Protein backbone atom coordinates (compact mmCIF):
# COMPACT_ATOMS: atom_id res chain seq x y z
CA MET A 1 156.44 90.25 126.16
CA SER A 2 154.78 90.30 129.50
CA GLY A 3 151.38 92.19 130.26
CA MET A 4 153.12 95.06 131.78
CA HIS A 5 155.60 95.65 128.80
CA ARG A 6 152.70 95.69 127.10
CA ASP A 7 150.46 98.11 128.85
CA ARG A 8 153.41 100.44 128.99
CA VAL A 9 153.93 100.31 124.99
CA LYS A 10 150.16 100.53 124.47
CA ARG A 11 150.27 103.65 126.84
CA HIS A 12 152.74 105.55 124.55
CA ASN A 13 151.28 104.72 121.91
CA ARG A 14 148.26 106.38 123.18
CA PHE A 15 149.82 109.11 124.64
CA ARG A 16 151.68 110.25 121.41
CA LEU A 17 148.79 109.57 119.17
CA CYS A 18 146.86 112.09 121.63
CA VAL A 19 149.55 114.63 121.13
CA GLN A 20 149.54 114.32 117.23
CA LEU A 21 145.88 114.80 116.91
CA LEU A 22 145.73 117.72 119.34
CA ALA A 23 148.60 119.32 117.44
CA ALA A 24 147.23 118.35 113.97
CA ALA A 25 144.26 120.24 115.35
CA ILE A 26 145.66 123.39 116.62
CA LEU A 27 147.26 123.97 114.15
CA ASN A 28 144.69 123.80 111.77
CA GLY A 29 142.06 124.92 114.17
CA TYR A 30 140.17 127.65 111.74
CA ALA A 31 137.31 125.94 110.91
CA ALA A 32 135.65 128.80 109.33
CA GLY A 33 138.09 127.41 106.58
CA PHE A 34 136.81 124.54 105.94
CA ALA A 35 133.44 125.61 106.19
CA GLY A 36 133.64 128.07 103.90
CA GLY A 37 136.53 126.89 101.57
CA HIS A 38 138.91 129.72 102.41
CA ILE A 39 142.06 130.69 103.57
CA PHE A 40 142.74 131.85 107.36
CA THR A 41 144.55 135.79 106.48
CA GLY A 42 144.27 136.85 110.45
CA LYS A 43 147.65 137.98 112.35
CA THR A 44 148.87 134.34 113.75
CA LYS A 45 149.64 133.47 109.50
CA ALA A 46 152.66 135.79 109.68
CA VAL A 47 154.16 133.40 112.55
CA CYS A 48 155.72 130.01 111.35
CA VAL A 49 154.84 127.01 112.68
CA PRO A 50 157.43 124.36 113.52
CA VAL A 51 156.62 121.75 111.16
CA LEU A 52 155.40 120.94 107.65
CA ASN A 53 151.83 122.32 107.72
CA CYS A 54 150.66 123.89 104.36
CA TYR A 55 149.95 127.73 104.39
CA ALA A 56 146.80 127.04 102.30
CA CYS A 57 145.20 124.62 104.41
CA PRO A 58 141.87 126.05 104.94
CA GLY A 59 141.95 125.83 108.80
CA ALA A 60 145.96 126.50 108.83
CA LEU A 61 146.50 129.66 111.69
CA GLY A 62 150.20 129.72 110.85
CA ALA A 63 152.82 129.59 108.28
CA CYS A 64 154.51 126.55 106.59
CA PRO A 65 158.37 127.02 107.86
CA ILE A 66 159.55 125.63 104.16
CA GLY A 67 157.09 127.99 102.64
CA ALA A 68 158.27 130.91 104.13
CA MET A 69 162.17 130.24 103.31
CA GLN A 70 161.28 129.58 99.66
CA THR A 71 159.37 133.00 99.63
CA VAL A 72 163.09 134.56 101.34
CA ALA A 73 164.97 132.96 98.57
CA ALA A 74 162.55 133.61 95.81
CA GLY A 75 163.21 137.33 96.95
CA ASN A 76 159.60 138.26 98.15
CA GLY A 77 160.63 139.60 101.42
CA ARG A 78 164.35 139.22 102.47
CA SER A 79 163.75 140.57 105.84
CA PHE A 80 161.60 137.67 106.76
CA SER A 81 164.94 135.40 106.45
CA PHE A 82 166.28 136.02 109.47
CA TYR A 83 162.73 135.43 111.81
CA VAL A 84 162.51 132.03 109.90
CA LEU A 85 166.34 131.00 109.91
CA GLY A 86 165.88 131.99 113.63
CA VAL A 87 162.90 130.20 114.56
CA LEU A 88 163.94 126.74 112.73
CA MET A 89 167.16 127.03 114.57
CA LEU A 90 165.69 127.61 117.98
CA CYS A 91 163.55 124.67 117.39
CA GLY A 92 166.15 122.61 116.31
CA THR A 93 168.24 122.85 118.96
CA LEU A 94 165.61 122.55 121.74
CA PHE A 95 164.14 119.44 120.08
CA GLY A 96 166.07 118.08 117.11
CA ARG A 97 163.39 116.01 115.24
CA LEU A 98 161.80 115.56 117.90
CA LEU A 99 158.81 117.68 116.23
CA CYS A 100 158.58 115.18 113.50
CA GLY A 101 157.66 112.41 115.65
CA PHE A 102 154.77 114.36 117.60
CA LEU A 103 153.74 117.22 116.02
CA CYS A 104 153.76 116.91 112.51
CA PRO A 105 150.52 116.39 111.13
CA PHE A 106 151.60 114.80 107.88
CA GLY A 107 153.63 112.50 110.41
CA LEU A 108 150.14 111.74 111.81
CA VAL A 109 149.12 110.74 108.00
CA GLN A 110 151.75 108.31 107.86
CA ASP A 111 151.79 106.90 111.40
CA LEU A 112 148.15 106.19 110.77
CA LEU A 113 148.77 104.32 107.43
CA ALA A 114 151.48 102.41 109.23
CA ARG A 115 149.20 100.98 111.36
CA ILE A 116 146.95 99.01 108.59
CA PRO A 117 148.54 95.28 108.89
CA LEU A 118 150.31 94.66 106.38
CA LYS A 119 153.80 93.59 106.54
CA LYS A 120 156.21 95.77 106.14
CA LEU A 121 158.76 96.51 103.89
CA THR A 122 162.42 96.54 104.88
CA VAL A 123 164.70 98.62 102.13
CA PRO A 124 167.84 97.56 101.59
CA ARG A 125 170.55 98.98 103.59
CA LYS A 126 172.73 100.19 101.33
CA ALA A 127 169.71 101.73 99.02
CA ASP A 128 168.49 103.02 102.78
CA ARG A 129 171.73 104.86 103.50
CA MET A 130 171.48 106.50 100.14
CA LEU A 131 168.29 107.77 99.31
CA ARG A 132 168.06 109.54 103.26
CA TYR A 133 170.28 111.49 101.54
CA VAL A 134 167.76 112.40 98.80
CA LYS A 135 165.71 115.16 101.88
CA TYR A 136 169.04 117.26 101.52
CA ALA A 137 169.28 117.72 97.78
CA VAL A 138 165.41 118.94 98.12
CA LEU A 139 166.13 120.78 100.94
CA ILE A 140 169.50 122.53 98.78
CA ILE A 141 167.99 122.37 95.44
CA MET A 142 164.28 123.06 95.56
CA VAL A 143 163.86 125.06 98.70
CA LEU A 144 167.06 127.24 98.38
CA LEU A 145 168.67 127.41 95.13
CA LEU A 146 165.73 127.05 92.33
CA PRO A 147 163.76 129.80 94.15
CA ALA A 148 166.65 131.69 94.07
CA ALA A 149 168.41 130.88 90.74
CA VAL A 150 165.17 131.22 88.20
CA GLN A 151 163.32 134.27 88.66
CA ASN A 152 160.77 135.96 86.10
CA ALA A 153 160.97 139.39 84.43
CA LEU A 154 160.03 141.13 88.11
CA GLY A 155 162.85 139.52 89.76
CA THR A 156 161.17 136.71 91.92
CA GLY A 157 161.18 133.29 91.98
CA GLU A 158 158.52 130.29 92.42
CA PRO A 159 158.21 128.20 95.28
CA TRP A 160 159.44 125.02 93.32
CA PHE A 161 158.75 122.07 96.91
CA CYS A 162 155.18 123.77 97.56
CA LYS A 163 154.59 123.68 93.77
CA TYR A 164 155.76 120.92 92.11
CA LEU A 165 156.62 118.23 95.19
CA CYS A 166 154.68 118.70 98.48
CA PRO A 167 152.55 116.19 99.23
CA THR A 168 151.34 117.92 102.67
CA GLY A 169 150.32 120.65 100.32
CA THR A 170 148.36 118.63 98.45
CA LEU A 171 146.62 116.87 101.17
CA GLU A 172 146.10 119.54 103.45
CA GLY A 173 145.56 122.82 100.83
CA GLY A 174 145.32 121.48 97.34
CA ILE A 175 142.93 118.68 97.83
CA PRO A 176 140.21 120.32 100.76
CA MET A 177 140.39 123.93 98.72
CA VAL A 178 139.32 122.03 95.12
CA LEU A 179 136.58 120.20 96.83
CA LEU A 180 135.41 123.24 98.79
CA ASN A 181 135.45 125.47 95.65
CA PRO A 182 133.51 124.86 92.31
CA ALA A 183 135.59 127.22 90.36
CA LEU A 184 139.16 125.58 91.46
CA ARG A 185 137.85 122.08 90.43
CA LYS A 186 137.51 123.54 86.68
CA LEU A 187 140.95 125.04 87.31
CA ALA A 188 142.42 122.20 88.50
CA GLY A 189 144.85 120.81 85.49
CA VAL A 190 148.14 119.10 84.96
CA LEU A 191 149.64 120.21 87.69
CA PHE A 192 147.27 119.35 90.06
CA THR A 193 147.00 115.86 88.60
CA TRP A 194 150.96 115.31 88.86
CA LYS A 195 150.61 116.60 92.68
CA PHE A 196 148.04 114.52 93.20
CA MET A 197 149.94 111.59 91.93
CA ILE A 198 152.75 112.47 93.87
CA LEU A 199 150.76 111.97 97.10
CA LEU A 200 148.74 109.01 96.07
CA ALA A 201 152.56 107.74 96.05
CA ILE A 202 153.28 108.47 99.16
CA LEU A 203 150.06 107.18 101.11
CA ILE A 204 150.42 103.94 99.16
CA LEU A 205 154.11 103.30 100.32
CA SER A 206 153.55 104.76 103.62
CA VAL A 207 151.36 101.57 104.50
CA LYS A 208 154.74 99.39 103.73
CA ILE A 209 157.23 101.81 104.48
CA PRO A 210 156.97 103.60 107.61
CA ARG A 211 157.76 107.86 107.55
CA VAL A 212 158.51 107.20 104.10
CA PHE A 213 158.63 110.64 103.27
CA CYS A 214 159.95 111.80 106.60
CA ARG A 215 163.14 109.31 105.63
CA TYR A 216 163.41 110.44 102.18
CA LEU A 217 162.38 113.66 101.10
CA CYS A 218 160.85 116.14 103.98
CA PRO A 219 163.15 119.13 103.51
CA LEU A 220 161.92 120.22 107.05
CA GLY A 221 163.29 116.94 108.05
CA ALA A 222 166.45 117.04 106.68
CA PHE A 223 167.22 120.81 108.52
CA TYR A 224 166.12 119.46 111.87
CA ALA A 225 168.71 116.44 111.11
CA LEU A 226 171.61 119.36 111.69
CA PHE A 227 170.66 119.79 115.01
CA ASN A 228 169.60 116.25 116.42
CA ARG A 229 173.07 115.00 117.44
CA PHE A 230 173.37 118.46 119.81
CA ALA A 231 169.96 119.50 120.35
CA CYS A 232 168.90 119.81 124.07
CA PHE A 233 166.51 116.60 124.06
CA GLN A 234 168.27 113.48 123.49
CA MET A 235 167.91 109.99 122.99
CA GLN A 236 170.61 107.50 124.80
CA VAL A 237 171.18 103.89 125.05
CA SER A 238 172.75 102.26 127.85
CA SER A 239 175.50 99.97 126.95
CA ALA A 240 175.85 98.62 130.43
CA LYS A 241 171.93 98.01 130.08
CA CYS A 242 171.33 96.62 126.54
CA ILE A 243 171.09 92.76 125.85
CA GLY A 244 171.36 93.16 122.66
CA CYS A 245 167.68 91.62 121.69
CA GLY A 246 167.12 93.87 118.61
CA LYS A 247 163.20 95.20 119.94
CA CYS A 248 164.48 98.65 119.48
CA THR A 249 165.49 98.31 116.34
CA ALA A 250 162.36 96.13 114.98
CA ALA A 251 160.07 98.87 116.50
CA CYS A 252 161.86 101.90 114.64
CA PRO A 253 159.66 103.55 112.18
CA MET A 254 162.74 104.55 110.07
CA GLN A 255 164.66 101.65 110.34
CA LEU A 256 167.75 102.37 112.52
CA ASP A 257 169.84 100.44 113.93
CA VAL A 258 169.01 101.84 117.65
CA PRO A 259 171.81 101.18 119.83
CA GLN A 260 174.24 102.44 116.94
CA GLU A 261 171.96 105.43 115.34
CA VAL A 262 170.18 106.90 118.01
CA CYS A 263 171.85 109.52 117.94
CA SER A 264 171.84 110.22 113.85
CA GLY A 265 170.04 112.83 112.30
CA GLU A 266 167.47 110.16 110.94
CA CYS A 267 166.07 109.19 114.71
CA ILE A 268 162.54 110.86 114.69
CA ARG A 269 162.46 110.42 119.02
CA CYS A 270 159.18 108.89 118.50
CA GLY A 271 159.84 106.72 121.35
CA LYS A 272 158.83 103.73 120.23
CA CYS A 273 162.35 101.97 121.40
CA LYS A 274 162.12 103.26 124.25
CA ALA A 275 158.65 101.74 124.98
CA VAL A 276 159.53 98.35 123.73
CA CYS A 277 162.75 97.83 125.91
CA PRO A 278 162.87 95.27 127.91
CA THR A 279 165.45 96.36 130.39
CA GLY A 280 165.28 100.09 130.26
CA ALA A 281 168.07 100.53 128.17
CA VAL A 282 166.80 103.54 126.36
CA ALA A 283 166.30 106.45 127.55
CA SER A 284 165.42 110.24 127.06
CA ASP A 285 165.94 113.51 128.61
CA PHE A 286 166.47 117.30 127.87
CA SER A 287 170.13 117.52 129.41
CA VAL A 288 172.68 119.01 127.30
CA LEU A 289 175.02 117.82 129.41
CA ARG A 290 175.29 113.91 128.05
CA ASP A 291 177.04 111.01 129.35
CA HIS A 292 178.90 109.88 126.64
CA THR A 293 180.19 106.93 128.24
CA GLU A 294 175.95 106.03 127.84
CA HIS A 295 176.12 106.21 124.50
CA THR A 296 176.57 103.67 121.20
CA SER A 297 177.00 105.75 118.09
C-alpha cells in the first residue's frame, strides 16, 4: 500500500470516527442526567432517533425506535405507530444501513473494540449466512409478535427485546443508572445479571468478530436491511475497474464478499472498502438512478 493510499485510509477512519463520536454526544447530550442519575423527560424525548439508543440512558435526548415499536405492538399507544413506522421508513429509504455505519452509538462501541490488535475470527460462510437471519427473527418475534401476543390483565404487553436482550440498553441505561442510584443497586437482580452477561458476551465477541451484534442480532439493522438495495444512498463496485485484489473484502467488518454483496442488506455503508480500494472501483453516492451495468451483485 502506497503512502498516499495509507493516508487516504487514515483520513477516512478519522472522519468516520469523528462523525460517530459526534453522533453519540448529540444523541446523549443531556449531561445533567449523568450528573444526577435521572432520565431526561423533555419534549424531544417524544421524538424517535434513527438508531438504537436507549431511552433509559441518563443522557438520551430522544426515544429509541425499537422501544417505540414494542410500545405500539404491546398496545400502549397505537396512534404512535404511523409516526414510528414513517420515521424508520423515511430513514431506510434515504440512507439504508448507512445509519448503522456512521451514527449508531453501539456500533461505535463495537468498532472501538475491533481496534484491539487481536487476530479476527472469520465465521464459516455457511454459518455466517444462517446467523444473519437471526436478527430478522428478533425483529419479528421479540419486537413485534411477543409484545402483541403476550399481554397482562390490563391488556398491555412487555418490551421483550428491551427487557430481555438489548445490550445497548444495558450499556447505556442499566449500568449507568445502577451506578448512579444506590437504591437501584439493591434492586438489581437476576434480570440485570442476565442482561449484563449478554452485554459482556457481545463485547468480548466484538473484539474477535467486528460488528457481531449488527451482523446477527440487531432488529433495527434488520429493518434497515430491507431498504438497502433501493435506498437513495448506494455503494457501487465497477467491474471495469475492479482487479480482484480482495482488499475490499478483507476490510469489510460485516464479512461480505464486497464485489458480490455490496448491494446486499448486510452492508452498513461504512466506506472501508472504498477507502482501501487501490483502483477506485468502489464508489458511493445518493443517486437513485444507478447504472446497473456498473454493479456486480
